[in-house]
């Protein structure tokens, strides 16, 4: 089973982002490196939600911003490990739309429930499979890591 390793500061930052954008969904990318048992994330990059039709329950990162994030990751010798977004007043479970719009096989998709403006549950799902046709979400444990002294 794949594990998502997040520094406590990154975990706190992506949850805070959801609180700040409430009642709309926030979104962003996670940068890191693959490790033997999953992904080691080192940073979260906030992205603008370009969905104007339904920002309270949908998100979209513009292609131009995604290219910029990918270039920044490469500059730091990192990769896009996955994406995060919030679910305002909705459980931290993927929706049919989340699944249909997930295309980064081998990456993590982190969802935080923001209940009445406060971050509640945060879950991660690994997008497994080799093609669009056989892709599937697998529940993924999150290991929150303390800063090294």
C-alpha atoms as a PDB file:
ATOM      1  CA  UNK A   1       0.000   0.000   0.000  1.00  0.00           C
ATOM      2  CA  UNK A   2       1.240   3.448  -0.927  1.00  0.00           C
ATOM      3  CA  UNK A   3       1.779   5.988   1.883  1.00  0.00           C
ATOM      4  CA  UNK A   4       1.724   9.773   1.605  1.00  0.00           C
ATOM      5  CA  UNK A   5       4.395  11.329   3.830  1.00  0.00           C
ATOM      6  CA  UNK A   6       3.641  14.962   4.690  1.00  0.00           C
ATOM      7  CA  UNK A   7       5.608  17.334   6.912  1.00  0.00           C
ATOM      8  CA  UNK A   8       3.319  18.715   9.625  1.00  0.00           C
ATOM      9  CA  UNK A   9       3.718  22.250   8.173  1.00  0.00           C
ATOM     10  CA  UNK A  10       2.531  21.130   4.707  1.00  0.00           C
ATOM     11  CA  UNK A  11      -0.425  19.265   6.232  1.00  0.00           C
ATOM     12  CA  UNK A  12      -1.366  22.373   8.239  1.00  0.00           C
ATOM     13  CA  UNK A  13      -0.929  24.641   5.186  1.00  0.00           C
ATOM     14  CA  UNK A  14      -3.241  22.692   2.878  1.00  0.00           C
ATOM     15  CA  UNK A  15      -5.902  22.506   5.615  1.00  0.00           C
ATOM     16  CA  UNK A  16      -5.569  26.256   6.289  1.00  0.00           C
ATOM     17  CA  UNK A  17      -5.960  26.926   2.553  1.00  0.00           C
ATOM     18  CA  UNK A  18      -9.349  25.161   2.644  1.00  0.00           C
ATOM     19  CA  UNK A  19     -10.446  27.301   5.584  1.00  0.00           C
ATOM     20  CA  UNK A  20      -9.367  30.517   3.826  1.00  0.00           C
ATOM     21  CA  UNK A  21     -11.320  29.806   0.637  1.00  0.00           C
ATOM     22  CA  UNK A  22     -14.465  28.508   2.382  1.00  0.00           C
ATOM     23  CA  UNK A  23     -17.267  28.320   1.178  1.00  0.00           C
ATOM     24  CA  UNK A  24     -15.418  27.670  -2.107  1.00  0.00           C
ATOM     25  CA  UNK A  25     -13.063  24.809  -2.866  1.00  0.00           C
ATOM     26  CA  UNK A  26      -9.344  25.448  -2.656  1.00  0.00           C
ATOM     27  CA  UNK A  27      -6.837  23.556  -4.760  1.00  0.00           C
ATOM     28  CA  UNK A  28      -3.132  23.101  -5.171  1.00  0.00           C
ATOM     29  CA  UNK A  29      -0.309  20.724  -5.976  1.00  0.00           C
ATOM     30  CA  UNK A  30       1.963  18.667  -3.779  1.00  0.00           C
ATOM     31  CA  UNK A  31       5.667  18.557  -4.664  1.00  0.00           C
ATOM     32  CA  UNK A  32       7.962  15.762  -3.599  1.00  0.00           C
ATOM     33  CA  UNK A  33       9.753  12.601  -4.587  1.00  0.00           C
ATOM     34  CA  UNK A  34       8.689   8.993  -4.931  1.00  0.00           C
ATOM     35  CA  UNK A  35       9.974   6.764  -2.132  1.00  0.00           C
ATOM     36  CA  UNK A  36       9.866   3.010  -1.703  1.00  0.00           C
ATOM     37  CA  UNK A  37       6.417   2.991  -0.100  1.00  0.00           C
ATOM     38  CA  UNK A  38       4.754   5.997  -1.741  1.00  0.00           C
ATOM     39  CA  UNK A  39       5.500   9.726  -1.893  1.00  0.00           C
ATOM     40  CA  UNK A  40       7.606  11.999   0.300  1.00  0.00           C
ATOM     41  CA  UNK A  41       6.105  15.481  -0.052  1.00  0.00           C
ATOM     42  CA  UNK A  42       8.215  18.523   0.755  1.00  0.00           C
ATOM     43  CA  UNK A  43       5.945  21.390  -0.317  1.00  0.00           C
ATOM     44  CA  UNK A  44       2.388  22.374  -1.181  1.00  0.00           C
ATOM     45  CA  UNK A  45       1.850  24.965  -3.913  1.00  0.00           C
ATOM     46  CA  UNK A  46      -1.407  26.889  -3.825  1.00  0.00           C
ATOM     47  CA  UNK A  47      -3.254  27.232  -7.104  1.00  0.00           C
ATOM     48  CA  UNK A  48      -6.147  29.407  -8.131  1.00  0.00           C
ATOM     49  CA  UNK A  49      -9.500  27.694  -8.580  1.00  0.00           C
ATOM     50  CA  UNK A  50     -10.486  28.693 -12.114  1.00  0.00           C
ATOM     51  CA  UNK A  51     -13.988  27.208 -11.850  1.00  0.00           C
ATOM     52  CA  UNK A  52     -16.373  30.150 -11.983  1.00  0.00           C
ATOM     53  CA  UNK A  53     -19.532  28.136 -12.591  1.00  0.00           C
ATOM     54  CA  UNK A  54     -19.471  26.011  -9.434  1.00  0.00           C
ATOM     55  CA  UNK A  55     -16.508  26.938  -7.213  1.00  0.00           C
ATOM     56  CA  UNK A  56     -18.343  25.783  -4.090  1.00  0.00           C
ATOM     57  CA  UNK A  57     -18.177  22.152  -5.201  1.00  0.00           C
ATOM     58  CA  UNK A  58     -15.690  21.948  -8.105  1.00  0.00           C
ATOM     59  CA  UNK A  59     -12.113  22.953  -8.736  1.00  0.00           C
ATOM     60  CA  UNK A  60      -9.845  23.345 -11.709  1.00  0.00           C
ATOM     61  CA  UNK A  61      -6.211  24.400 -12.031  1.00  0.00           C
ATOM     62  CA  UNK A  62      -5.499  26.272 -15.256  1.00  0.00           C
ATOM     63  CA  UNK A  63      -3.122  24.511 -17.672  1.00  0.00           C
ATOM     64  CA  UNK A  64      -0.792  27.523 -17.637  1.00  0.00           C
ATOM     65  CA  UNK A  65      -0.569  27.456 -13.839  1.00  0.00           C
ATOM     66  CA  UNK A  66       0.005  23.710 -13.881  1.00  0.00           C
ATOM     67  CA  UNK A  67       2.923  24.133 -16.310  1.00  0.00           C
ATOM     68  CA  UNK A  68       4.356  26.833 -14.021  1.00  0.00           C
ATOM     69  CA  UNK A  69       4.045  24.514 -10.987  1.00  0.00           C
ATOM     70  CA  UNK A  70       5.675  21.660 -12.902  1.00  0.00           C
ATOM     71  CA  UNK A  71       8.587  23.892 -13.965  1.00  0.00           C
ATOM     72  CA  UNK A  72       9.069  25.048 -10.368  1.00  0.00           C
ATOM     73  CA  UNK A  73       9.080  21.425  -9.202  1.00  0.00           C
ATOM     74  CA  UNK A  74      11.734  20.520 -11.778  1.00  0.00           C
ATOM     75  CA  UNK A  75      13.800  23.553 -10.772  1.00  0.00           C
ATOM     76  CA  UNK A  76      13.860  22.127  -7.230  1.00  0.00           C
ATOM     77  CA  UNK A  77      14.572  18.577  -8.522  1.00  0.00           C
ATOM     78  CA  UNK A  78      11.104  17.521  -7.369  1.00  0.00           C
ATOM     79  CA  UNK A  79       8.019  16.069  -9.048  1.00  0.00           C
ATOM     80  CA  UNK A  80       4.314  16.709  -8.780  1.00  0.00           C
ATOM     81  CA  UNK A  81       3.382  14.070  -6.190  1.00  0.00           C
ATOM     82  CA  UNK A  82      -0.289  14.902  -6.354  1.00  0.00           C
ATOM     83  CA  UNK A  83      -2.990  17.447  -5.801  1.00  0.00           C
ATOM     84  CA  UNK A  84      -5.138  18.659  -2.950  1.00  0.00           C
ATOM     85  CA  UNK A  85      -8.522  20.327  -2.708  1.00  0.00           C
ATOM     86  CA  UNK A  86     -11.216  20.983  -0.147  1.00  0.00           C
ATOM     87  CA  UNK A  87     -14.820  19.887   0.145  1.00  0.00           C
ATOM     88  CA  UNK A  88     -16.793  22.681   1.847  1.00  0.00           C
ATOM     89  CA  UNK A  89     -19.461  21.118   4.080  1.00  0.00           C
ATOM     90  CA  UNK A  90     -18.992  17.748   2.374  1.00  0.00           C
ATOM     91  CA  UNK A  91     -17.076  14.605   3.458  1.00  0.00           C
ATOM     92  CA  UNK A  92     -13.406  14.131   2.578  1.00  0.00           C
ATOM     93  CA  UNK A  93     -14.287  11.451   0.026  1.00  0.00           C
ATOM     94  CA  UNK A  94     -13.804  11.654  -3.726  1.00  0.00           C
ATOM     95  CA  UNK A  95     -16.792  12.393  -5.901  1.00  0.00           C
ATOM     96  CA  UNK A  96     -17.635  11.050  -9.349  1.00  0.00           C
ATOM     97  CA  UNK A  97     -16.429  14.389 -10.753  1.00  0.00           C
ATOM     98  CA  UNK A  98     -13.153  14.162  -8.793  1.00  0.00           C
ATOM     99  CA  UNK A  99     -12.587  10.702 -10.278  1.00  0.00           C
ATOM    100  CA  UNK A 100     -13.531  11.684 -13.829  1.00  0.00           C
ATOM    101  CA  UNK A 101     -11.161  14.669 -13.730  1.00  0.00           C
ATOM    102  CA  UNK A 102      -8.226  12.779 -12.148  1.00  0.00           C
ATOM    103  CA  UNK A 103      -5.635  11.899 -14.794  1.00  0.00           C
ATOM    104  CA  UNK A 104      -2.273  11.849 -13.005  1.00  0.00           C
ATOM    105  CA  UNK A 105      -1.798   8.102 -12.550  1.00  0.00           C
ATOM    106  CA  UNK A 106       0.554   7.265  -9.706  1.00  0.00           C
ATOM    107  CA  UNK A 107      -0.212  10.508  -7.875  1.00  0.00           C
ATOM    108  CA  UNK A 108      -1.996  11.344  -4.637  1.00  0.00           C
ATOM    109  CA  UNK A 109      -5.288  13.192  -4.361  1.00  0.00           C
ATOM    110  CA  UNK A 110      -5.805  14.768  -0.948  1.00  0.00           C
ATOM    111  CA  UNK A 111      -9.243  16.012   0.122  1.00  0.00           C
ATOM    112  CA  UNK A 112     -10.031  18.011   3.255  1.00  0.00           C
ATOM    113  CA  UNK A 113     -13.558  18.371   4.554  1.00  0.00           C
ATOM    114  CA  UNK A 114     -14.118  21.965   5.678  1.00  0.00           C
ATOM    115  CA  UNK A 115     -17.148  21.996   7.977  1.00  0.00           C
ATOM    116  CA  UNK A 116     -18.651  25.444   8.600  1.00  0.00           C
ATOM    117  CA  UNK A 117     -15.287  27.028   7.809  1.00  0.00           C
ATOM    118  CA  UNK A 118     -13.103  24.701   9.913  1.00  0.00           C
ATOM    119  CA  UNK A 119     -10.888  21.968   8.485  1.00  0.00           C
ATOM    120  CA  UNK A 120     -12.103  18.587   9.720  1.00  0.00           C
ATOM    121  CA  UNK A 121     -11.113  15.257   8.160  1.00  0.00           C
ATOM    122  CA  UNK A 122      -8.300  15.025   5.603  1.00  0.00           C
ATOM    123  CA  UNK A 123      -7.985  11.879   3.465  1.00  0.00           C
ATOM    124  CA  UNK A 124      -5.671  10.844   0.650  1.00  0.00           C
ATOM    125  CA  UNK A 125      -6.383   8.630  -2.337  1.00  0.00           C
ATOM    126  CA  UNK A 126      -3.752   7.139  -4.638  1.00  0.00           C
ATOM    127  CA  UNK A 127      -4.702   7.070  -8.333  1.00  0.00           C
ATOM    128  CA  UNK A 128      -3.640   3.553  -9.313  1.00  0.00           C
ATOM    129  CA  UNK A 129      -3.772   1.885 -12.702  1.00  0.00           C
ATOM    130  CA  UNK A 130      -1.915   2.061 -15.988  1.00  0.00           C
ATOM    131  CA  UNK A 131      -4.515   3.661 -18.286  1.00  0.00           C
ATOM    132  CA  UNK A 132      -7.599   5.884 -18.108  1.00  0.00           C
ATOM    133  CA  UNK A 133      -9.692   2.752 -18.572  1.00  0.00           C
ATOM    134  CA  UNK A 134      -8.341   0.876 -15.532  1.00  0.00           C
ATOM    135  CA  UNK A 135      -7.610   3.801 -13.206  1.00  0.00           C
ATOM    136  CA  UNK A 136      -8.929   3.543  -9.668  1.00  0.00           C
ATOM    137  CA  UNK A 137      -8.611   5.377  -6.374  1.00  0.00           C
ATOM    138  CA  UNK A 138      -7.073   3.455  -3.492  1.00  0.00           C
ATOM    139  CA  UNK A 139      -7.315   4.791   0.081  1.00  0.00           C
ATOM    140  CA  UNK A 140      -3.873   6.017   1.099  1.00  0.00           C
ATOM    141  CA  UNK A 141      -2.598   6.485   4.644  1.00  0.00           C
ATOM    142  CA  UNK A 142      -1.131   9.890   5.485  1.00  0.00           C
ATOM    143  CA  UNK A 143       1.990   9.876   7.641  1.00  0.00           C
ATOM    144  CA  UNK A 144       2.414  13.305   9.240  1.00  0.00           C
ATOM    145  CA  UNK A 145       6.062  13.930   9.970  1.00  0.00           C
ATOM    146  CA  UNK A 146       7.483  16.174  12.641  1.00  0.00           C
ATOM    147  CA  UNK A 147      10.219  18.636  11.692  1.00  0.00           C
ATOM    148  CA  UNK A 148      13.750  17.387  12.232  1.00  0.00           C
ATOM    149  CA  UNK A 149      15.635  19.161  14.975  1.00  0.00           C
END
